[in-house]
Amino acid sequence: VSKFKLMEKFINGIIDAQKFEEKFYKIWTLNCDKEYDSEEILKIDHETLIFSAIISRLFTDCDVFEPDPSLREDYEISEVELKNRVKKTLLEIKDRYP
């Protein structure tokens, strides 16, 4: 499942926030563990860096997600807020990369 399909499943209520977070972390880890040679690194352009920053922001959003309101700290977000941030991120990606 790609990041985009996963985001759409969450937005459309097919999966809940905890499942989204779990699967997103798996995708994130696979991408972070990928090794690049020096030639590939030199080919990374400005748009790739912007895309990476957008996805990194979503990773941070998942990191501050706390499903249990009784455990939620002031800096943590609910499932509704996470869903809103995922929607915003997906729209930003679709606008930037039609």
Protein backbone atom coordinates (compact mmCIF):
# COMPACT_ATOMS: atom_id res chain seq x y z
CA VAL A 1 0.00 0.00 0.00
CA SER A 2 1.42 3.38 -0.96
CA LYS A 3 1.45 6.36 1.40
CA PHE A 4 -1.31 7.97 -0.65
CA LYS A 5 -3.67 5.00 -0.62
CA LEU A 6 -3.05 4.62 3.10
CA MET A 7 -3.88 8.29 3.66
CA GLU A 8 -7.07 7.97 1.61
CA LYS A 9 -8.15 4.85 3.53
CA PHE A 10 -7.78 6.74 6.80
CA ILE A 11 -9.55 9.87 5.55
CA ASN A 12 -12.43 7.77 4.19
CA GLY A 13 -12.83 5.84 7.45
CA ILE A 14 -11.73 2.49 6.04
CA ILE A 15 -9.04 2.23 8.73
CA ASP A 16 -8.77 3.96 12.10
CA ALA A 17 -5.98 6.24 13.30
CA GLN A 18 -4.09 3.52 15.15
CA LYS A 19 -3.98 1.30 12.05
CA PHE A 20 -2.97 4.31 9.92
CA GLU A 21 -0.17 5.19 12.33
CA GLU A 22 1.09 1.59 12.44
CA LYS A 23 1.15 1.19 8.66
CA PHE A 24 2.57 4.69 8.07
CA TYR A 25 5.46 3.94 10.43
CA LYS A 26 6.19 0.71 8.54
CA ILE A 27 6.31 2.56 5.21
CA TRP A 28 8.40 5.33 6.77
CA THR A 29 10.88 2.83 8.19
CA LEU A 30 11.26 1.03 4.88
CA ASN A 31 11.98 4.33 3.10
CA CYS A 32 14.40 5.50 5.81
CA ASP A 33 16.28 2.21 5.76
CA LYS A 34 16.84 2.42 2.01
CA GLU A 35 20.47 3.06 1.23
CA TYR A 36 21.48 5.49 -1.49
CA ASP A 37 24.79 5.63 -3.25
CA SER A 38 26.57 8.97 -3.70
CA GLU A 39 25.36 9.32 -7.31
CA GLU A 40 21.71 8.94 -6.23
CA ILE A 41 22.20 11.50 -3.47
CA LEU A 42 23.50 14.04 -5.98
CA LYS A 43 20.33 13.55 -8.07
CA ILE A 44 18.02 14.59 -5.22
CA ASP A 45 16.37 17.80 -6.37
CA HIS A 46 14.54 20.62 -4.64
CA GLU A 47 11.09 19.05 -5.23
CA THR A 48 12.21 15.78 -3.67
CA LEU A 49 13.39 17.66 -0.59
CA ILE A 50 10.05 19.52 -0.35
CA PHE A 51 8.12 16.24 -0.69
CA SER A 52 10.31 14.69 1.98
CA ALA A 53 9.62 17.63 4.31
CA ILE A 54 5.86 17.26 3.80
CA ILE A 55 5.99 13.55 4.64
CA SER A 56 8.28 14.24 7.62
CA ARG A 57 5.69 16.65 8.99
CA LEU A 58 3.09 13.88 8.74
CA PHE A 59 5.45 11.55 10.59
CA THR A 60 5.61 14.13 13.39
CA ASP A 61 1.80 14.35 13.39
CA CYS A 62 1.62 10.58 13.89
CA ASP A 63 4.19 10.83 16.64
CA VAL A 64 2.02 13.26 18.65
CA PHE A 65 -1.19 11.27 18.14
CA GLU A 66 -2.71 9.95 21.38
CA PRO A 67 -6.01 8.06 21.00
CA ASP A 68 -6.90 8.09 24.69
CA PRO A 69 -8.21 11.54 25.79
CA SER A 70 -7.43 10.76 29.44
CA LEU A 71 -3.75 10.22 28.56
CA ARG A 72 -3.44 13.04 25.99
CA GLU A 73 -0.98 15.80 26.85
CA ASP A 74 -1.47 19.40 25.64
CA TYR A 75 0.89 18.91 22.69
CA GLU A 76 -0.75 15.63 21.58
CA ILE A 77 -3.59 15.34 19.09
CA SER A 78 -6.79 13.31 18.76
CA GLU A 79 -7.87 11.04 15.92
CA VAL A 80 -10.01 13.87 14.50
CA GLU A 81 -7.05 16.25 14.47
CA LEU A 82 -4.78 13.60 12.94
CA LYS A 83 -7.35 12.98 10.22
CA ASN A 84 -7.53 16.73 9.51
CA ARG A 85 -3.75 16.90 9.23
CA VAL A 86 -3.65 13.88 6.93
CA LYS A 87 -6.31 15.50 4.70
CA LYS A 88 -4.31 18.73 4.60
CA THR A 89 -1.12 16.84 3.74
CA LEU A 90 -2.78 14.81 0.99
CA LEU A 91 -4.31 17.96 -0.54
CA GLU A 92 -0.94 19.70 -0.39
CA ILE A 93 0.72 16.80 -2.18
CA LYS A 94 -2.01 16.57 -4.83
CA ASP A 95 -1.85 20.34 -5.44
CA ARG A 96 1.92 20.37 -5.67
CA TYR A 97 2.28 17.14 -7.68
CA PRO A 98 -0.85 16.80 -9.89
